Amino acid sequence: MRKTLPLLIAAALTLATGLAQAAAMTKEQAIEQAQAAHPGELIKAYQEKLKGKAVWEVQIEGQDGKKWEIYYDVASGKLVKEEGE
C-alpha cells in the first residue's frame, strides 16, 4: 500500500492538471465564438489582462458596420465583456 499511494496521488494530480488545461479556451475558440456572435472580419485577437484576469480580446469589424471588442476569460471560456462602436 505504501508504494501505491504515491502513485495514486501522482495519477490524480496529473488527471486534475489535464482537466484544468482542457477547460482553457484557445485563441481559435475565442475567435470562433466572437464571429458567431458578431459575424464579420477579424481585425485582431490577442491575450491580455482585464481586472487581473487573463482574457482573450477579439476585435471584429462586424457586418453590421460596428467595430466589436469581445473579451473571453482564458481559463473558463466565459464571455467577460463586449463593446460595439
N, C-alpha and C. Protein backbone atom coordinates (compact mmCIF):
# COMPACT_ATOMS: atom_id res chain seq x y z
N MET A 1 0.82 -1.20 0.00
CA MET A 1 0.00 0.00 0.00
C MET A 1 0.86 1.26 0.00
N ARG A 2 2.00 1.21 0.69
CA ARG A 2 2.85 2.39 0.76
C ARG A 2 3.41 2.78 -0.60
N LYS A 3 3.65 1.82 -1.46
CA LYS A 3 4.18 2.13 -2.78
C LYS A 3 3.10 2.61 -3.72
N THR A 4 1.89 2.14 -3.55
CA THR A 4 0.83 2.52 -4.47
C THR A 4 0.22 3.88 -4.15
N LEU A 5 0.25 4.31 -2.90
CA LEU A 5 -0.36 5.59 -2.53
C LEU A 5 0.30 6.76 -3.27
N PRO A 6 1.62 6.85 -3.29
CA PRO A 6 2.23 7.96 -4.05
C PRO A 6 1.88 7.89 -5.54
N LEU A 7 1.77 6.71 -6.08
CA LEU A 7 1.39 6.57 -7.49
C LEU A 7 -0.03 7.04 -7.73
N LEU A 8 -0.92 6.71 -6.80
CA LEU A 8 -2.31 7.16 -6.93
C LEU A 8 -2.41 8.67 -6.81
N ILE A 9 -1.65 9.26 -5.91
CA ILE A 9 -1.66 10.71 -5.75
C ILE A 9 -1.11 11.38 -7.00
N ALA A 10 -0.03 10.87 -7.54
CA ALA A 10 0.55 11.42 -8.77
C ALA A 10 -0.42 11.31 -9.93
N ALA A 11 -1.11 10.18 -10.03
CA ALA A 11 -2.09 10.00 -11.11
C ALA A 11 -3.24 10.98 -10.97
N ALA A 12 -3.72 11.19 -9.75
CA ALA A 12 -4.81 12.13 -9.51
C ALA A 12 -4.40 13.55 -9.85
N LEU A 13 -3.19 13.94 -9.49
CA LEU A 13 -2.70 15.28 -9.81
C LEU A 13 -2.54 15.47 -11.31
N THR A 14 -2.05 14.45 -11.98
CA THR A 14 -1.90 14.51 -13.44
C THR A 14 -3.25 14.66 -14.11
N LEU A 15 -4.23 13.91 -13.65
CA LEU A 15 -5.58 14.00 -14.20
C LEU A 15 -6.17 15.38 -13.96
N ALA A 16 -6.03 15.90 -12.75
CA ALA A 16 -6.57 17.21 -12.43
C ALA A 16 -5.92 18.31 -13.27
N THR A 17 -4.63 18.21 -13.47
CA THR A 17 -3.92 19.19 -14.30
C THR A 17 -4.41 19.11 -15.74
N GLY A 18 -4.57 17.91 -16.24
CA GLY A 18 -5.06 17.73 -17.61
C GLY A 18 -6.45 18.29 -17.80
N LEU A 19 -7.32 18.09 -16.82
CA LEU A 19 -8.68 18.62 -16.91
C LEU A 19 -8.67 20.13 -16.87
N ALA A 20 -7.83 20.72 -16.05
CA ALA A 20 -7.75 22.18 -15.97
C ALA A 20 -7.26 22.76 -17.29
N GLN A 21 -6.28 22.12 -17.90
CA GLN A 21 -5.78 22.60 -19.18
C GLN A 21 -6.81 22.42 -20.28
N ALA A 22 -7.59 21.36 -20.22
CA ALA A 22 -8.59 21.11 -21.24
C ALA A 22 -9.69 22.17 -21.21
N ALA A 23 -9.95 22.75 -20.05
CA ALA A 23 -11.00 23.74 -19.92
C ALA A 23 -10.57 25.11 -20.44
N ALA A 24 -9.27 25.34 -20.59
CA ALA A 24 -8.78 26.63 -21.04
C ALA A 24 -9.20 26.88 -22.49
N MET A 25 -9.59 28.12 -22.76
CA MET A 25 -10.02 28.50 -24.10
C MET A 25 -8.81 28.86 -24.96
N THR A 26 -8.80 28.36 -26.18
CA THR A 26 -7.73 28.69 -27.11
C THR A 26 -8.09 29.98 -27.85
N LYS A 27 -7.10 30.57 -28.47
CA LYS A 27 -7.31 31.77 -29.27
C LYS A 27 -8.30 31.48 -30.40
N GLU A 28 -8.15 30.32 -31.03
CA GLU A 28 -9.03 29.95 -32.14
C GLU A 28 -10.49 29.82 -31.67
N GLN A 29 -10.69 29.23 -30.49
CA GLN A 29 -12.05 29.11 -29.95
C GLN A 29 -12.65 30.47 -29.66
N ALA A 30 -11.83 31.39 -29.13
CA ALA A 30 -12.32 32.74 -28.85
C ALA A 30 -12.75 33.43 -30.14
N ILE A 31 -11.95 33.28 -31.19
CA ILE A 31 -12.29 33.88 -32.48
C ILE A 31 -13.58 33.30 -33.03
N GLU A 32 -13.72 31.97 -32.97
CA GLU A 32 -14.93 31.32 -33.47
C GLU A 32 -16.18 31.81 -32.74
N GLN A 33 -16.10 31.89 -31.42
CA GLN A 33 -17.26 32.34 -30.63
C GLN A 33 -17.59 33.80 -30.94
N ALA A 34 -16.57 34.63 -31.05
CA ALA A 34 -16.80 36.04 -31.32
C ALA A 34 -17.44 36.24 -32.70
N GLN A 35 -16.95 35.51 -33.69
CA GLN A 35 -17.51 35.65 -35.04
C GLN A 35 -18.90 35.03 -35.15
N ALA A 36 -19.20 34.06 -34.33
CA ALA A 36 -20.56 33.51 -34.31
C ALA A 36 -21.53 34.54 -33.74
N ALA A 37 -21.09 35.27 -32.72
CA ALA A 37 -21.94 36.29 -32.10
C ALA A 37 -22.04 37.55 -32.95
N HIS A 38 -20.93 37.90 -33.61
CA HIS A 38 -20.86 39.13 -34.41
C HIS A 38 -20.15 38.83 -35.73
N PRO A 39 -20.88 38.31 -36.71
CA PRO A 39 -20.25 37.97 -37.99
C PRO A 39 -19.54 39.18 -38.60
N GLY A 40 -18.38 38.92 -39.16
CA GLY A 40 -17.62 39.99 -39.79
C GLY A 40 -16.17 39.60 -39.93
N GLU A 41 -15.35 40.62 -40.22
CA GLU A 41 -13.92 40.39 -40.46
C GLU A 41 -13.13 40.53 -39.17
N LEU A 42 -12.27 39.56 -38.93
CA LEU A 42 -11.39 39.61 -37.77
C LEU A 42 -10.35 40.70 -37.98
N ILE A 43 -10.23 41.61 -37.02
CA ILE A 43 -9.20 42.64 -37.06
C ILE A 43 -7.96 42.10 -36.35
N LYS A 44 -8.12 41.66 -35.09
CA LYS A 44 -7.02 41.03 -34.37
C LYS A 44 -7.56 40.34 -33.13
N ALA A 45 -6.75 39.44 -32.61
CA ALA A 45 -7.09 38.71 -31.40
C ALA A 45 -5.81 38.47 -30.63
N TYR A 46 -5.85 38.75 -29.34
CA TYR A 46 -4.66 38.57 -28.51
C TYR A 46 -5.06 38.40 -27.06
N GLN A 47 -4.11 37.91 -26.27
CA GLN A 47 -4.35 37.70 -24.85
C GLN A 47 -3.86 38.91 -24.08
N GLU A 48 -4.64 39.31 -23.07
CA GLU A 48 -4.25 40.42 -22.21
C GLU A 48 -4.85 40.22 -20.83
N LYS A 49 -4.60 41.16 -19.94
CA LYS A 49 -5.16 41.11 -18.58
C LYS A 49 -6.28 42.14 -18.49
N LEU A 50 -7.38 41.73 -17.88
CA LEU A 50 -8.51 42.62 -17.64
C LEU A 50 -8.94 42.39 -16.20
N LYS A 51 -8.78 43.41 -15.38
CA LYS A 51 -9.08 43.30 -13.95
C LYS A 51 -8.36 42.12 -13.31
N GLY A 52 -7.10 41.93 -13.69
CA GLY A 52 -6.28 40.89 -13.10
C GLY A 52 -6.47 39.49 -13.66
N LYS A 53 -7.38 39.33 -14.62
CA LYS A 53 -7.63 38.01 -15.22
C LYS A 53 -7.10 37.97 -16.64
N ALA A 54 -6.61 36.80 -17.03
CA ALA A 54 -6.18 36.60 -18.41
C ALA A 54 -7.42 36.46 -19.28
N VAL A 55 -7.50 37.29 -20.33
CA VAL A 55 -8.64 37.25 -21.25
C VAL A 55 -8.13 37.26 -22.69
N TRP A 56 -8.98 36.74 -23.56
CA TRP A 56 -8.76 36.90 -25.00
C TRP A 56 -9.56 38.13 -25.41
N GLU A 57 -8.91 39.05 -26.09
CA GLU A 57 -9.63 40.18 -26.69
C GLU A 57 -9.69 39.91 -28.18
N VAL A 58 -10.90 39.89 -28.72
CA VAL A 58 -11.11 39.66 -30.14
C VAL A 58 -11.78 40.90 -30.71
N GLN A 59 -11.16 41.49 -31.73
CA GLN A 59 -11.70 42.68 -32.37
C GLN A 59 -12.22 42.30 -33.75
N ILE A 60 -13.45 42.71 -34.01
CA ILE A 60 -14.12 42.35 -35.27
C ILE A 60 -14.74 43.59 -35.89
N GLU A 61 -14.60 43.70 -37.21
CA GLU A 61 -15.32 44.69 -38.00
C GLU A 61 -16.59 43.97 -38.45
N GLY A 62 -17.69 44.24 -37.77
CA GLY A 62 -18.92 43.50 -37.99
C GLY A 62 -19.62 43.82 -39.29
N GLN A 63 -20.39 42.87 -39.77
CA GLN A 63 -21.19 43.08 -40.97
C GLN A 63 -22.26 44.14 -40.71
N ASP A 64 -22.53 44.41 -39.43
CA ASP A 64 -23.50 45.43 -39.06
C ASP A 64 -22.89 46.83 -39.08
N GLY A 65 -21.59 46.94 -39.48
CA GLY A 65 -20.92 48.22 -39.56
C GLY A 65 -20.27 48.66 -38.25
N LYS A 66 -20.46 47.92 -37.19
CA LYS A 66 -19.86 48.26 -35.90
C LYS A 66 -18.52 47.57 -35.74
N LYS A 67 -17.65 48.21 -34.96
CA LYS A 67 -16.41 47.58 -34.54
C LYS A 67 -16.67 46.98 -33.17
N TRP A 68 -16.42 45.68 -33.03
CA TRP A 68 -16.69 44.96 -31.79
C TRP A 68 -15.39 44.56 -31.10
N GLU A 69 -15.40 44.70 -29.78
CA GLU A 69 -14.34 44.17 -28.93
C GLU A 69 -15.01 43.20 -27.98
N ILE A 70 -14.63 41.93 -28.07
CA ILE A 70 -15.24 40.88 -27.27
C ILE A 70 -14.14 40.26 -26.41
N TYR A 71 -14.45 40.07 -25.13
CA TYR A 71 -13.47 39.55 -24.18
C TYR A 71 -13.97 38.24 -23.59
N TYR A 72 -13.10 37.21 -23.60
CA TYR A 72 -13.42 35.91 -23.02
C TYR A 72 -12.37 35.54 -21.97
N ASP A 73 -12.82 35.00 -20.86
CA ASP A 73 -11.93 34.50 -19.82
C ASP A 73 -11.15 33.31 -20.39
N VAL A 74 -9.83 33.37 -20.34
CA VAL A 74 -8.99 32.31 -20.90
C VAL A 74 -9.23 30.99 -20.16
N ALA A 75 -9.33 31.04 -18.84
CA ALA A 75 -9.44 29.82 -18.04
C ALA A 75 -10.78 29.11 -18.23
N SER A 76 -11.86 29.87 -18.30
CA SER A 76 -13.20 29.25 -18.37
C SER A 76 -13.86 29.31 -19.73
N GLY A 77 -13.45 30.25 -20.56
CA GLY A 77 -14.09 30.44 -21.86
C GLY A 77 -15.35 31.28 -21.79
N LYS A 78 -15.67 31.80 -20.62
CA LYS A 78 -16.90 32.59 -20.47
C LYS A 78 -16.71 33.99 -21.00
N LEU A 79 -17.80 34.53 -21.56
CA LEU A 79 -17.82 35.91 -22.03
C LEU A 79 -17.67 36.83 -20.83
N VAL A 80 -16.71 37.75 -20.90
CA VAL A 80 -16.48 38.69 -19.81
C VAL A 80 -17.13 40.02 -20.14
N LYS A 81 -16.96 40.47 -21.40
CA LYS A 81 -17.43 41.80 -21.77
C LYS A 81 -17.45 41.90 -23.29
N GLU A 82 -18.36 42.72 -23.82
CA GLU A 82 -18.33 43.02 -25.24
C GLU A 82 -18.78 44.46 -25.44
N GLU A 83 -18.11 45.14 -26.39
CA GLU A 83 -18.40 46.53 -26.67
C GLU A 83 -18.51 46.71 -28.16
N GLY A 84 -19.50 47.46 -28.59
CA GLY A 84 -19.66 47.77 -30.01
C GLY A 84 -19.69 49.28 -30.21
N GLU A 85 -18.96 49.75 -31.21
CA GLU A 85 -18.93 51.19 -31.51
C GLU A 85 -19.63 51.46 -32.81
